PDB file of all heavy atoms in Angstrom:
ATOM      1  N   VAL A   1      68.678 141.746  89.969  1.00  0.00           N
ATOM      2  CA  VAL A   1      68.992 140.325  90.064  1.00  0.00           C
ATOM      3  C   VAL A   1      68.739 139.842  91.492  1.00  0.00           C
ATOM      4  O   VAL A   1      68.277 138.723  91.714  1.00  0.00           O
ATOM      5  CB  VAL A   1      70.464 140.061  89.648  1.00  0.00           C
ATOM      6  CG1 VAL A   1      70.864 138.635  89.898  1.00  0.00           C
ATOM      7  CG2 VAL A   1      70.631 140.383  88.191  1.00  0.00           C
ATOM      8  N   ARG A   2      69.084 140.646  92.532  1.00  0.00           N
ATOM      9  CA  ARG A   2      68.868 140.299  93.922  1.00  0.00           C
ATOM     10  C   ARG A   2      67.415 140.559  94.292  1.00  0.00           C
ATOM     11  O   ARG A   2      67.033 141.698  94.537  1.00  0.00           O
ATOM     12  CB  ARG A   2      69.765 141.156  94.815  1.00  0.00           C
ATOM     13  CG  ARG A   2      71.203 140.792  94.718  1.00  0.00           C
ATOM     14  CD  ARG A   2      71.999 141.632  95.706  1.00  0.00           C
ATOM     15  NE  ARG A   2      72.958 142.404  94.935  1.00  0.00           N
ATOM     16  CZ  ARG A   2      73.140 143.695  95.055  1.00  0.00           C
ATOM     17  NH1 ARG A   2      72.485 144.373  95.928  1.00  0.00           N
ATOM     18  NH2 ARG A   2      74.020 144.299  94.309  1.00  0.00           N
ATOM     19  N   SER A   3      66.619 139.509  94.363  1.00  0.00           N
ATOM     20  CA  SER A   3      65.206 139.683  94.686  1.00  0.00           C
ATOM     21  C   SER A   3      64.901 139.463  96.150  1.00  0.00           C
ATOM     22  O   SER A   3      63.808 139.728  96.609  1.00  0.00           O
ATOM     23  CB  SER A   3      64.336 138.773  93.818  1.00  0.00           C
ATOM     24  OG  SER A   3      64.693 137.424  94.096  1.00  0.00           O
ATOM     25  N   THR A   4      65.870 138.974  96.902  1.00  0.00           N
ATOM     26  CA  THR A   4      65.680 138.728  98.319  1.00  0.00           C
ATOM     27  C   THR A   4      65.782 140.013  99.124  1.00  0.00           C
ATOM     28  O   THR A   4      66.806 140.705  98.994  1.00  0.00           O
ATOM     29  CB  THR A   4      66.737 137.709  98.858  1.00  0.00           C
ATOM     30  OG1 THR A   4      66.692 136.548  98.037  1.00  0.00           O
ATOM     31  CG2 THR A   4      66.460 137.344 100.303  1.00  0.00           C
ATOM     32  N   PRO A   5      64.772 140.363  99.897  1.00  0.00           N
ATOM     33  CA  PRO A   5      64.881 141.605 100.698  1.00  0.00           C
ATOM     34  C   PRO A   5      65.949 141.490 101.782  1.00  0.00           C
ATOM     35  O   PRO A   5      66.292 140.407 102.268  1.00  0.00           O
ATOM     36  CB  PRO A   5      63.519 141.727 101.355  1.00  0.00           C
ATOM     37  CG  PRO A   5      62.872 140.374 101.268  1.00  0.00           C
ATOM     38  CD  PRO A   5      63.551 139.661 100.138  1.00  0.00           C
ATOM     39  N   VAL A   6      66.524 142.637 102.123  1.00  0.00           N
ATOM     40  CA  VAL A   6      67.554 142.691 103.178  1.00  0.00           C
ATOM     41  C   VAL A   6      66.839 142.482 104.487  1.00  0.00           C
ATOM     42  O   VAL A   6      65.843 143.102 104.777  1.00  0.00           O
ATOM     43  CB  VAL A   6      68.257 144.058 103.133  1.00  0.00           C
ATOM     44  CG1 VAL A   6      69.233 144.177 104.271  1.00  0.00           C
ATOM     45  CG2 VAL A   6      68.959 144.239 101.816  1.00  0.00           C
ATOM     46  N   ARG A   7      67.416 141.576 105.338  1.00  0.00           N
ATOM     47  CA  ARG A   7      66.851 141.371 106.681  1.00  0.00           C
ATOM     48  C   ARG A   7      67.201 142.526 107.585  1.00  0.00           C
ATOM     49  O   ARG A   7      68.320 142.997 107.568  1.00  0.00           O
ATOM     50  CB  ARG A   7      67.376 140.081 107.260  1.00  0.00           C
ATOM     51  CG  ARG A   7      66.853 138.839 106.590  1.00  0.00           C
ATOM     52  CD  ARG A   7      67.398 137.583 107.189  1.00  0.00           C
ATOM     53  NE  ARG A   7      67.548 137.670 108.619  1.00  0.00           N
ATOM     54  CZ  ARG A   7      68.351 136.904 109.343  1.00  0.00           C
ATOM     55  NH1 ARG A   7      69.069 135.980 108.757  1.00  0.00           N
ATOM     56  NH2 ARG A   7      68.430 137.019 110.636  1.00  0.00           N
ATOM     57  N   VAL A   8      66.255 142.939 108.408  1.00  0.00           N
ATOM     58  CA  VAL A   8      66.476 143.998 109.377  1.00  0.00           C
ATOM     59  C   VAL A   8      66.224 143.392 110.765  1.00  0.00           C
ATOM     60  O   VAL A   8      65.179 142.797 110.984  1.00  0.00           O
ATOM     61  CB  VAL A   8      65.553 145.198 109.166  1.00  0.00           C
ATOM     62  CG1 VAL A   8      65.707 146.216 110.256  1.00  0.00           C
ATOM     63  CG2 VAL A   8      65.793 145.819 107.807  1.00  0.00           C
ATOM     64  N   ILE A   9      67.215 143.506 111.629  1.00  0.00           N
ATOM     65  CA  ILE A   9      67.073 143.003 112.972  1.00  0.00           C
ATOM     66  C   ILE A   9      67.374 144.174 113.947  1.00  0.00           C
ATOM     67  O   ILE A   9      68.395 144.835 113.818  1.00  0.00           O
ATOM     68  CB  ILE A   9      68.055 141.843 113.283  1.00  0.00           C
ATOM     69  CG1 ILE A   9      67.797 140.723 112.317  1.00  0.00           C
ATOM     70  CG2 ILE A   9      67.945 141.396 114.732  1.00  0.00           C
ATOM     71  CD1 ILE A   9      68.806 139.582 112.388  1.00  0.00           C
ATOM     72  N   GLU A  10      66.455 144.443 114.839  1.00  0.00           N
ATOM     73  CA  GLU A  10      66.614 145.537 115.798  1.00  0.00           C
ATOM     74  C   GLU A  10      67.837 145.270 116.657  1.00  0.00           C
ATOM     75  O   GLU A  10      68.075 144.140 117.080  1.00  0.00           O
ATOM     76  CB  GLU A  10      65.378 145.666 116.665  1.00  0.00           C
ATOM     77  CG  GLU A  10      64.148 146.124 115.950  1.00  0.00           C
ATOM     78  CD  GLU A  10      64.228 147.581 115.478  1.00  0.00           C
ATOM     79  OE1 GLU A  10      64.915 148.401 116.160  1.00  0.00           O
ATOM     80  OE2 GLU A  10      63.646 147.880 114.449  1.00  0.00           O
ATOM     81  N   SER A  11      68.634 146.316 116.933  1.00  0.00           N
ATOM     82  CA  SER A  11      69.836 146.167 117.745  1.00  0.00           C
ATOM     83  C   SER A  11      69.492 145.649 119.150  1.00  0.00           C
ATOM     84  O   SER A  11      70.266 144.902 119.750  1.00  0.00           O
ATOM     85  CB  SER A  11      70.586 147.504 117.839  1.00  0.00           C
ATOM     86  OG  SER A  11      69.787 148.472 118.435  1.00  0.00           O
ATOM     87  N   GLN A  12      68.327 146.022 119.678  1.00  0.00           N
ATOM     88  CA  GLN A  12      67.927 145.568 121.003  1.00  0.00           C
ATOM     89  C   GLN A  12      67.761 144.048 121.029  1.00  0.00           C
ATOM     90  O   GLN A  12      68.061 143.389 122.023  1.00  0.00           O
ATOM     91  CB  GLN A  12      66.589 146.190 121.443  1.00  0.00           C
ATOM     92  CG  GLN A  12      66.667 147.663 121.622  1.00  0.00           C
ATOM     93  CD  GLN A  12      66.251 148.431 120.368  1.00  0.00           C
ATOM     94  OE1 GLN A  12      66.376 147.923 119.235  1.00  0.00           O
ATOM     95  NE2 GLN A  12      65.734 149.617 120.515  1.00  0.00           N
ATOM     96  N   VAL A  13      67.325 143.475 119.924  1.00  0.00           N
ATOM     97  CA  VAL A  13      67.188 142.015 119.804  1.00  0.00           C
ATOM     98  C   VAL A  13      68.574 141.356 119.805  1.00  0.00           C
ATOM     99  O   VAL A  13      68.790 140.357 120.498  1.00  0.00           O
ATOM    100  CB  VAL A  13      66.403 141.636 118.540  1.00  0.00           C
ATOM    101  CG1 VAL A  13      66.384 140.126 118.340  1.00  0.00           C
ATOM    102  CG2 VAL A  13      64.967 142.185 118.654  1.00  0.00           C
ATOM    103  N   LEU A  14      69.464 141.926 119.043  1.00  0.00           N
ATOM    104  CA  LEU A  14      70.847 141.376 118.994  1.00  0.00           C
ATOM    105  C   LEU A  14      71.539 141.458 120.348  1.00  0.00           C
ATOM    106  O   LEU A  14      72.158 140.503 120.804  1.00  0.00           O
ATOM    107  CB  LEU A  14      71.687 142.119 117.964  1.00  0.00           C
ATOM    108  CG  LEU A  14      71.461 141.807 116.495  1.00  0.00           C
ATOM    109  CD1 LEU A  14      72.280 142.691 115.607  1.00  0.00           C
ATOM    110  CD2 LEU A  14      71.768 140.343 116.206  1.00  0.00           C
ATOM    111  N   LEU A  15      71.477 142.629 120.974  1.00  0.00           N
ATOM    112  CA  LEU A  15      72.211 142.809 122.233  1.00  0.00           C
ATOM    113  C   LEU A  15      71.522 142.189 123.405  1.00  0.00           C
ATOM    114  O   LEU A  15      72.189 141.853 124.421  1.00  0.00           O
ATOM    115  CB  LEU A  15      72.386 144.343 122.456  1.00  0.00           C
ATOM    116  CG  LEU A  15      73.298 145.025 121.479  1.00  0.00           C
ATOM    117  CD1 LEU A  15      73.195 146.548 121.581  1.00  0.00           C
ATOM    118  CD2 LEU A  15      74.727 144.581 121.639  1.00  0.00           C
ATOM    119  N   ASP A  16      70.218 141.972 123.358  1.00  0.00           N
ATOM    120  CA  ASP A  16      69.453 141.287 124.404  1.00  0.00           C
ATOM    121  C   ASP A  16      69.785 141.802 125.808  1.00  0.00           C
ATOM    122  O   ASP A  16      70.068 141.040 126.718  1.00  0.00           O
ATOM    123  CB  ASP A  16      69.697 139.803 124.273  1.00  0.00           C
ATOM    124  CG  ASP A  16      68.733 138.989 125.113  1.00  0.00           C
ATOM    125  OD1 ASP A  16      67.568 139.437 125.299  1.00  0.00           O
ATOM    126  OD2 ASP A  16      69.091 137.871 125.523  1.00  0.00           O
ATOM    127  N   GLY A  17      69.763 143.146 125.957  1.00  0.00           N
ATOM    128  CA  GLY A  17      69.987 143.713 127.264  1.00  0.00           C
ATOM    129  C   GLY A  17      71.436 143.985 127.627  1.00  0.00           C
ATOM    130  O   GLY A  17      71.721 144.692 128.588  1.00  0.00           O
ATOM    131  N   SER A  18      72.382 143.474 126.860  1.00  0.00           N
ATOM    132  CA  SER A  18      73.806 143.719 127.140  1.00  0.00           C
ATOM    133  C   SER A  18      74.285 144.888 126.328  1.00  0.00           C
ATOM    134  O   SER A  18      73.579 145.370 125.435  1.00  0.00           O
ATOM    135  CB  SER A  18      74.644 142.470 126.876  1.00  0.00           C
ATOM    136  OG  SER A  18      74.668 142.224 125.479  1.00  0.00           O
ATOM    137  N   ARG A  19      75.497 145.334 126.546  1.00  0.00           N
ATOM    138  CA  ARG A  19      76.070 146.452 125.808  1.00  0.00           C
ATOM    139  C   ARG A  19      77.102 146.013 124.767  1.00  0.00           C
ATOM    140  O   ARG A  19      77.665 146.836 124.063  1.00  0.00           O
ATOM    141  CB  ARG A  19      76.666 147.470 126.786  1.00  0.00           C
ATOM    142  CG  ARG A  19      75.555 147.997 127.734  1.00  0.00           C
ATOM    143  CD  ARG A  19      75.912 149.269 128.426  1.00  0.00           C
ATOM    144  NE  ARG A  19      76.107 150.418 127.609  1.00  0.00           N
ATOM    145  CZ  ARG A  19      75.159 151.232 127.129  1.00  0.00           C
ATOM    146  NH1 ARG A  19      73.891 150.965 127.379  1.00  0.00           N
ATOM    147  NH2 ARG A  19      75.466 152.284 126.420  1.00  0.00           N
ATOM    148  N   GLU A  20      77.345 144.699 124.690  1.00  0.00           N
ATOM    149  CA  GLU A  20      78.352 144.206 123.774  1.00  0.00           C
ATOM    150  C   GLU A  20      78.012 142.770 123.387  1.00  0.00           C
ATOM    151  O   GLU A  20      77.492 141.992 124.195  1.00  0.00           O
ATOM    152  CB  GLU A  20      79.750 144.232 124.401  1.00  0.00           C
ATOM    153  CG  GLU A  20      80.850 143.757 123.496  1.00  0.00           C
ATOM    154  CD  GLU A  20      82.232 143.860 124.102  1.00  0.00           C
ATOM    155  OE1 GLU A  20      82.348 144.369 125.240  1.00  0.00           O
ATOM    156  OE2 GLU A  20      83.185 143.501 123.418  1.00  0.00           O
ATOM    157  N   LEU A  21      78.353 142.418 122.123  1.00  0.00           N
ATOM    158  CA  LEU A  21      78.232 141.043 121.703  1.00  0.00           C
ATOM    159  C   LEU A  21      79.390 140.745 120.762  1.00  0.00           C
ATOM    160  O   LEU A  21      79.985 141.659 120.192  1.00  0.00           O
ATOM    161  CB  LEU A  21      76.887 140.729 121.051  1.00  0.00           C
ATOM    162  CG  LEU A  21      76.527 141.377 119.717  1.00  0.00           C
ATOM    163  CD1 LEU A  21      77.078 140.584 118.550  1.00  0.00           C
ATOM    164  CD2 LEU A  21      75.020 141.445 119.612  1.00  0.00           C
ATOM    165  N   VAL A  22      79.717 139.490 120.599  1.00  0.00           N
ATOM    166  CA  VAL A  22      80.785 139.060 119.709  1.00  0.00           C
ATOM    167  C   VAL A  22      80.175 138.355 118.499  1.00  0.00           C
ATOM    168  O   VAL A  22      79.338 137.461 118.702  1.00  0.00           O
ATOM    169  CB  VAL A  22      81.800 138.145 120.449  1.00  0.00           C
ATOM    170  CG1 VAL A  22      82.872 137.661 119.454  1.00  0.00           C
ATOM    171  CG2 VAL A  22      82.428 138.876 121.610  1.00  0.00           C
ATOM    172  N   ILE A  23      80.589 138.773 117.324  1.00  0.00           N
ATOM    173  CA  ILE A  23      80.127 138.126 116.107  1.00  0.00           C
ATOM    174  C   ILE A  23      81.307 137.310 115.533  1.00  0.00           C
ATOM    175  O   ILE A  23      82.361 137.890 115.307  1.00  0.00           O
ATOM    176  CB  ILE A  23      79.657 139.194 115.089  1.00  0.00           C
ATOM    177  CG1 ILE A  23      78.508 140.045 115.633  1.00  0.00           C
ATOM    178  CG2 ILE A  23      79.284 138.512 113.764  1.00  0.00           C
ATOM    179  CD1 ILE A  23      78.190 141.257 114.805  1.00  0.00           C
ATOM    180  N   ALA A  24      81.100 136.017 115.372  1.00  0.00           N
ATOM    181  CA  ALA A  24      82.134 135.160 114.782  1.00  0.00           C
ATOM    182  C   ALA A  24      81.931 135.139 113.266  1.00  0.00           C
ATOM    183  O   ALA A  24      80.808 134.833 112.800  1.00  0.00           O
ATOM    184  CB  ALA A  24      82.049 133.758 115.355  1.00  0.00           C
ATOM    185  N   HIS A  25      82.974 135.470 112.526  1.00  0.00           N
ATOM    186  CA  HIS A  25      82.886 135.475 111.059  1.00  0.00           C
ATOM    187  C   HIS A  25      84.205 134.980 110.475  1.00  0.00           C
ATOM    188  O   HIS A  25      85.260 135.594 110.695  1.00  0.00           O
ATOM    189  CB  HIS A  25      82.587 136.881 110.578  1.00  0.00           C
ATOM    190  CG  HIS A  25      82.567 137.026 109.056  1.00  0.00           C
ATOM    191  ND1 HIS A  25      81.597 136.462 108.292  1.00  0.00           N
ATOM    192  CD2 HIS A  25      83.421 137.605 108.218  1.00  0.00           C
ATOM    193  CE1 HIS A  25      81.844 136.712 107.048  1.00  0.00           C
ATOM    194  NE2 HIS A  25      82.962 137.431 106.946  1.00  0.00           N
ATOM    195  N   GLN A  26      84.140 133.853 109.779  1.00  0.00           N
ATOM    196  CA  GLN A  26      85.276 133.253 109.124  1.00  0.00           C
ATOM    197  C   GLN A  26      86.518 133.119 110.042  1.00  0.00           C
ATOM    198  O   GLN A  26      87.617 133.486 109.716  1.00  0.00           O
ATOM    199  CB  GLN A  26      85.653 134.011 107.857  1.00  0.00           C
ATOM    200  CG  GLN A  26      84.589 133.988 106.817  1.00  0.00           C
ATOM    201  CD  GLN A  26      84.970 134.722 105.553  1.00  0.00           C
ATOM    202  OE1 GLN A  26      85.986 135.416 105.477  1.00  0.00           O
ATOM    203  NE2 GLN A  26      84.144 134.553 104.516  1.00  0.00           N
ATOM    204  N   GLY A  27      86.240 132.630 111.265  1.00  0.00           N
ATOM    205  CA  GLY A  27      87.291 132.412 112.205  1.00  0.00           C
ATOM    206  C   GLY A  27      87.792 133.644 112.970  1.00  0.00           C
ATOM    207  O   GLY A  27      88.719 133.578 113.768  1.00  0.00           O
ATOM    208  N   GLN A  28      87.195 134.764 112.690  1.00  0.00           N
ATOM    209  CA  GLN A  28      87.556 136.030 113.367  1.00  0.00           C
ATOM    210  C   GLN A  28      86.450 136.456 114.295  1.00  0.00           C
ATOM    211  O   GLN A  28      85.281 136.108 114.102  1.00  0.00           O
ATOM    212  CB  GLN A  28      87.787 137.136 112.336  1.00  0.00           C
ATOM    213  CG  GLN A  28      88.873 136.832 111.342  1.00  0.00           C
ATOM    214  CD  GLN A  28      90.257 136.881 111.963  1.00  0.00           C
ATOM    215  OE1 GLN A  28      90.554 137.732 112.741  1.00  0.00           O
ATOM    216  NE2 GLN A  28      91.090 135.917 111.605  1.00  0.00           N
ATOM    217  N   SER A  29      86.790 137.183 115.344  1.00  0.00           N
ATOM    218  CA  SER A  29      85.822 137.733 116.274  1.00  0.00           C
ATOM    219  C   SER A  29      85.685 139.240 116.085  1.00  0.00           C
ATOM    220  O   SER A  29      86.692 139.939 115.996  1.00  0.00           O
ATOM    221  CB  SER A  29      86.223 137.456 117.726  1.00  0.00           C
ATOM    222  OG  SER A  29      86.222 136.086 117.977  1.00  0.00           O
ATOM    223  N   TYR A  30      84.440 139.687 115.986  1.00  0.00           N
ATOM    224  CA  TYR A  30      84.153 141.109 115.865  1.00  0.00           C
ATOM    225  C   TYR A  30      83.277 141.504 117.038  1.00  0.00           C
ATOM    226  O   TYR A  30      82.309 140.792 117.359  1.00  0.00           O
ATOM    227  CB  TYR A  30      83.411 141.384 114.553  1.00  0.00           C
ATOM    228  CG  TYR A  30      84.271 141.110 113.327  1.00  0.00           C
ATOM    229  CD1 TYR A  30      84.399 139.830 112.813  1.00  0.00           C
ATOM    230  CD2 TYR A  30      85.022 142.144 112.742  1.00  0.00           C
ATOM    231  CE1 TYR A  30      85.187 139.550 111.732  1.00  0.00           C
ATOM    232  CE2 TYR A  30      85.800 141.867 111.632  1.00  0.00           C
ATOM    233  CZ  TYR A  30      85.884 140.577 111.130  1.00  0.00           C
ATOM    234  OH  TYR A  30      86.674 140.309 110.080  1.00  0.00           O
ATOM    235  N   HIS A  31      83.544 142.640 117.673  1.00  0.00           N
ATOM    236  CA  HIS A  31      82.798 143.115 118.820  1.00  0.00           C
ATOM    237  C   HIS A  31      81.861 144.220 118.411  1.00  0.00           C
ATOM    238  O   HIS A  31      82.290 145.226 117.828  1.00  0.00           O
ATOM    239  CB  HIS A  31      83.762 143.599 119.914  1.00  0.00           C
ATOM    240  CG  HIS A  31      84.638 142.522 120.441  1.00  0.00           C
ATOM    241  ND1 HIS A  31      84.395 141.919 121.658  1.00  0.00           N
ATOM    242  CD2 HIS A  31      85.722 141.924 119.930  1.00  0.00           C
ATOM    243  CE1 HIS A  31      85.295 141.014 121.861  1.00  0.00           C
ATOM    244  NE2 HIS A  31      86.121 140.982 120.813  1.00  0.00           N
ATOM    245  N   LEU A  32      80.578 144.012 118.683  1.00  0.00           N
ATOM    246  CA  LEU A  32      79.581 145.056 118.480  1.00  0.00           C
ATOM    247  C   LEU A  32      79.255 145.652 119.799  1.00  0.00           C
ATOM    248  O   LEU A  32      78.778 144.957 120.726  1.00  0.00           O
ATOM    249  CB  LEU A  32      78.343 144.486 117.804  1.00  0.00           C
ATOM    250  CG  LEU A  32      77.219 145.479 117.494  1.00  0.00           C
ATOM    251  CD1 LEU A  32      77.692 146.489 116.424  1.00  0.00           C
ATOM    252  CD2 LEU A  32      75.957 144.773 117.029  1.00  0.00           C
ATOM    253  N   ARG A  33      79.573 146.965 119.976  1.00  0.00           N
ATOM    254  CA  ARG A  33      79.391 147.628 121.259  1.00  0.00           C
ATOM    255  C   ARG A  33      78.389 148.772 121.148  1.00  0.00           C
ATOM    256  O   ARG A  33      78.358 149.489 120.149  1.00  0.00           O
ATOM    257  CB  ARG A  33      80.736 148.194 121.792  1.00  0.00           C
ATOM    258  CG  ARG A  33      81.737 147.153 122.122  1.00  0.00           C
ATOM    259  CD  ARG A  33      82.997 147.779 122.683  1.00  0.00           C
ATOM    260  NE  ARG A  33      83.962 146.797 123.030  1.00  0.00           N
ATOM    261  CZ  ARG A  33      84.932 146.373 122.227  1.00  0.00           C
ATOM    262  NH1 ARG A  33      85.053 146.842 121.019  1.00  0.00           N
ATOM    263  NH2 ARG A  33      85.781 145.429 122.627  1.00  0.00           N
ATOM    264  N   LEU A  34      77.625 148.910 122.205  1.00  0.00           N
ATOM    265  CA  LEU A  34      76.681 150.055 122.353  1.00  0.00           C
ATOM    266  C   LEU A  34      77.356 151.074 123.234  1.00  0.00           C
ATOM    267  O   LEU A  34      77.680 150.738 124.410  1.00  0.00           O
ATOM    268  CB  LEU A  34      75.342 149.586 122.954  1.00  0.00           C
ATOM    269  CG  LEU A  34      74.269 150.628 123.114  1.00  0.00           C
ATOM    270  CD1 LEU A  34      73.873 151.241 121.797  1.00  0.00           C
ATOM    271  CD2 LEU A  34      73.076 150.039 123.854  1.00  0.00           C
ATOM    272  N   THR A  35      77.592 152.281 122.718  1.00  0.00           N
ATOM    273  CA  THR A  35      78.293 153.296 123.512  1.00  0.00           C
ATOM    274  C   THR A  35      77.352 154.002 124.490  1.00  0.00           C
ATOM    275  O   THR A  35      76.105 153.852 124.437  1.00  0.00           O
ATOM    276  CB  THR A  35      78.901 154.371 122.601  1.00  0.00           C
ATOM    277  OG1 THR A  35      77.869 155.143 121.998  1.00  0.00           O
ATOM    278  CG2 THR A  35      79.779 153.745 121.522  1.00  0.00           C
ATOM    279  N   ARG A  36      77.943 154.830 125.340  1.00  0.00           N
ATOM    280  CA  ARG A  36      77.141 155.617 126.269  1.00  0.00           C
ATOM    281  C   ARG A  36      76.193 156.601 125.543  1.00  0.00           C
ATOM    282  O   ARG A  36      75.196 156.999 126.067  1.00  0.00           O
ATOM    283  CB  ARG A  36      78.049 156.440 127.202  1.00  0.00           C
ATOM    284  CG  ARG A  36      78.670 155.563 128.282  1.00  0.00           C
ATOM    285  CD  ARG A  36      79.539 156.425 129.195  1.00  0.00           C
ATOM    286  NE  ARG A  36      80.891 156.012 128.941  1.00  0.00           N
ATOM    287  CZ  ARG A  36      81.962 156.723 129.206  1.00  0.00           C
ATOM    288  NH1 ARG A  36      81.849 157.897 129.724  1.00  0.00           N
ATOM    289  NH2 ARG A  36      83.123 156.246 128.959  1.00  0.00           N
ATOM    290  N   ASN A  37      76.575 156.949 124.337  1.00  0.00           N
ATOM    291  CA  ASN A  37      75.753 157.841 123.509  1.00  0.00           C
ATOM    292  C   ASN A  37      74.805 157.118 122.555  1.00  0.00           C
ATOM    293  O   ASN A  37      74.304 157.692 121.627  1.00  0.00           O
ATOM    294  CB  ASN A  37      76.672 158.796 122.690  1.00  0.00           C
ATOM    295  CG  ASN A  37      77.483 159.699 123.560  1.00  0.00           C
ATOM    296  OD1 ASN A  37      77.041 160.103 124.581  1.00  0.00           O
ATOM    297  ND2 ASN A  37      78.722 159.940 123.132  1.00  0.00           N
ATOM    298  N   ASP A  38      74.556 155.860 122.863  1.00  0.00           N
ATOM    299  CA  ASP A  38      73.675 154.999 122.074  1.00  0.00           C
ATOM    300  C   ASP A  38      74.044 154.884 120.615  1.00  0.00           C
ATOM    301  O   ASP A  38      73.210 154.821 119.722  1.00  0.00           O
ATOM    302  CB  ASP A  38      72.206 155.470 122.184  1.00  0.00           C
ATOM    303  CG  ASP A  38      71.633 155.149 123.562  1.00  0.00           C
ATOM    304  OD1 ASP A  38      72.006 154.120 124.144  1.00  0.00           O
ATOM    305  OD2 ASP A  38      70.791 155.893 124.061  1.00  0.00           O
TER     306      ASP A  38
END
């Protein structure tokens, strides 16, 4: 039933040179962090 392909975005594009970003979702903040071990 789901004919739309899943989007893939490289983590480097999301982080844009930083090691952390905040994702806002339904009024909540989620932190995506890149660790020392990648």
